[in-house]
Amino acid sequence: MRRVAVTCAIAAGLGVASPVAQAHGKPAQRDSLRILLVTSPAARGSMASVFAQVSPRNASCLISVLTKSGPVAATGLEQKRAVKGFVRWTWTIGPQSPAGNARIFVECGTKIVKTKLKITP
C-alpha cells in the first residue's frame, strides 16, 4: 500500500494521471481556475461582478476583495460552489468605498488567482 501512495504522490507531482485513476478508466482531474470577467471600472454604489471558470466543475470557491480601507464584507461575497465549472459573485460597491484599484483574490481548490477592480467616484 505504501508503494502505491508514494507512486501516486510522485505521479501527481509530475502532473501525470495516477495509477489509481488510470485503473478506474478516468484521467486524474487537475485543479484549474481562470477569471473570465471582472466588471471594471465600476462606480461607487454600482454592482460589480467576477465570473470564473474552474475545475473540478463543482469546486468550492472563495473570494476576497481588498480596498485601500481594508477587506470588503458585502453581501454576495460568500463562499460558493461552482456549477458546471463556473462560479459568479455579484455585490454592490459601497458608496464610501475608496476610489482606486481594489485587489481581488479568488481561490478554488488548490488554485488562487488575483485580479483588480478599478473603483471610480
Protein backbone atom coordinates (compact mmCIF):
# COMPACT_ATOMS: atom_id res chain seq x y z
CA MET A 1 0.00 0.00 0.00
CA ARG A 2 2.83 2.38 0.83
CA ARG A 3 4.33 1.86 -2.63
CA VAL A 4 1.02 2.86 -4.33
CA ALA A 5 0.75 6.02 -2.18
CA VAL A 6 4.33 7.04 -2.99
CA THR A 7 3.79 6.31 -6.70
CA CYS A 8 0.57 8.39 -6.68
CA ALA A 9 2.34 11.26 -4.91
CA ILE A 10 5.19 11.22 -7.43
CA ALA A 11 2.77 10.99 -10.36
CA ALA A 12 0.73 13.91 -9.01
CA GLY A 13 3.90 15.99 -8.63
CA LEU A 14 4.81 15.31 -12.24
CA GLY A 15 1.33 16.20 -13.48
CA VAL A 16 0.53 12.75 -14.83
CA ALA A 17 -2.53 10.63 -14.19
CA SER A 18 -2.17 8.48 -11.10
CA PRO A 19 -2.20 4.68 -11.43
CA VAL A 20 -5.36 4.60 -9.31
CA ALA A 21 -7.19 6.93 -11.69
CA GLN A 22 -5.90 5.00 -14.71
CA ALA A 23 -7.05 1.71 -13.21
CA HIS A 24 -10.59 3.11 -12.93
CA GLY A 25 -10.54 4.36 -16.53
CA LYS A 26 -10.75 8.04 -15.56
CA PRO A 27 -7.96 10.58 -16.05
CA ALA A 28 -6.89 12.43 -12.93
CA GLN A 29 -8.59 15.81 -12.72
CA ARG A 30 -6.33 18.84 -12.32
CA ASP A 31 -7.40 21.94 -10.49
CA SER A 32 -7.69 24.99 -12.73
CA LEU A 33 -9.03 28.49 -12.25
CA ARG A 34 -9.45 31.27 -14.80
CA ILE A 35 -11.11 34.66 -14.35
CA LEU A 36 -13.36 35.29 -17.35
CA LEU A 37 -14.94 38.62 -16.38
CA VAL A 38 -14.47 41.47 -13.91
CA THR A 39 -16.79 44.46 -14.20
CA SER A 40 -14.13 47.14 -14.17
CA PRO A 41 -14.20 50.05 -13.88
CA ALA A 42 -17.20 50.25 -11.56
CA ALA A 43 -18.57 53.31 -9.78
CA ARG A 44 -19.35 53.57 -6.08
CA GLY A 45 -22.91 52.38 -5.45
CA SER A 46 -22.98 50.21 -8.59
CA MET A 47 -22.92 46.44 -8.97
CA ALA A 48 -19.66 44.60 -9.57
CA SER A 49 -19.21 41.01 -10.72
CA VAL A 50 -16.48 38.42 -11.03
CA PHE A 51 -17.08 35.38 -13.22
CA ALA A 52 -14.65 32.42 -13.27
CA GLN A 53 -14.22 29.03 -14.88
CA VAL A 54 -12.96 26.29 -12.57
CA SER A 55 -12.05 22.63 -12.44
CA PRO A 56 -13.16 20.44 -10.83
CA ARG A 57 -16.59 21.52 -12.09
CA ASN A 58 -18.08 21.57 -8.58
CA ALA A 59 -15.14 23.17 -6.75
CA SER A 60 -15.73 25.17 -3.59
CA CYS A 61 -14.56 28.76 -4.14
CA LEU A 62 -13.81 31.82 -2.01
CA ILE A 63 -13.42 35.45 -2.99
CA SER A 64 -11.71 38.29 -1.12
CA VAL A 65 -11.92 41.93 -2.16
CA LEU A 66 -9.46 44.36 -0.59
CA THR A 67 -9.66 48.14 -0.97
CA LYS A 68 -7.36 50.82 0.42
CA SER A 69 -9.52 50.89 3.55
CA GLY A 70 -9.38 47.10 4.08
CA PRO A 71 -11.35 43.95 3.28
CA VAL A 72 -14.86 44.24 1.83
CA ALA A 73 -17.66 42.38 3.65
CA ALA A 74 -20.50 42.93 1.19
CA THR A 75 -23.46 40.62 0.66
CA GLY A 76 -22.66 38.43 -2.35
CA LEU A 77 -19.02 37.76 -1.49
CA GLU A 78 -19.73 34.47 0.27
CA GLN A 79 -18.11 31.09 -0.38
CA LYS A 80 -19.73 29.40 -3.38
CA ARG A 81 -19.66 26.05 -5.12
CA ALA A 82 -19.08 26.07 -8.87
CA VAL A 83 -21.93 24.81 -11.05
CA LYS A 84 -20.87 23.00 -14.23
CA GLY A 85 -17.42 24.58 -13.93
CA PHE A 86 -18.50 28.21 -13.46
CA VAL A 87 -18.84 30.49 -10.45
CA ARG A 88 -20.01 34.12 -10.19
CA TRP A 89 -20.05 36.71 -7.44
CA THR A 90 -22.05 39.94 -7.66
CA TRP A 91 -22.10 42.64 -4.99
CA THR A 92 -22.76 46.34 -4.55
CA ILE A 93 -19.75 48.62 -4.23
CA GLY A 94 -20.26 50.70 -1.11
CA PRO A 95 -20.94 54.42 -1.56
CA GLN A 96 -17.97 55.24 0.69
CA SER A 97 -15.54 52.76 -0.92
CA PRO A 98 -12.24 54.47 -1.69
CA ALA A 99 -11.61 55.20 -5.36
CA GLY A 100 -8.73 53.33 -6.95
CA ASN A 101 -7.76 49.73 -7.55
CA ALA A 102 -9.28 47.06 -5.33
CA ARG A 103 -7.41 43.76 -5.24
CA ILE A 104 -9.49 40.62 -5.78
CA PHE A 105 -8.35 37.13 -4.82
CA VAL A 106 -10.31 34.06 -5.95
CA GLU A 107 -9.48 30.64 -4.51
CA CYS A 108 -10.91 27.37 -5.84
CA GLY A 109 -9.41 24.07 -4.75
CA THR A 110 -5.63 24.46 -4.77
CA LYS A 111 -5.59 27.44 -7.16
CA ILE A 112 -5.55 31.16 -6.30
CA VAL A 113 -5.87 33.88 -8.92
CA LYS A 114 -5.69 37.60 -8.33
CA THR A 115 -7.09 40.44 -10.37
CA LYS A 116 -8.04 44.10 -9.93
CA LEU A 117 -11.21 46.14 -9.97
CA LYS A 118 -11.00 49.88 -10.56
CA ILE A 119 -13.46 51.75 -8.33
CA THR A 120 -14.45 55.19 -9.58
CA PRO A 121 -16.15 58.03 -7.67
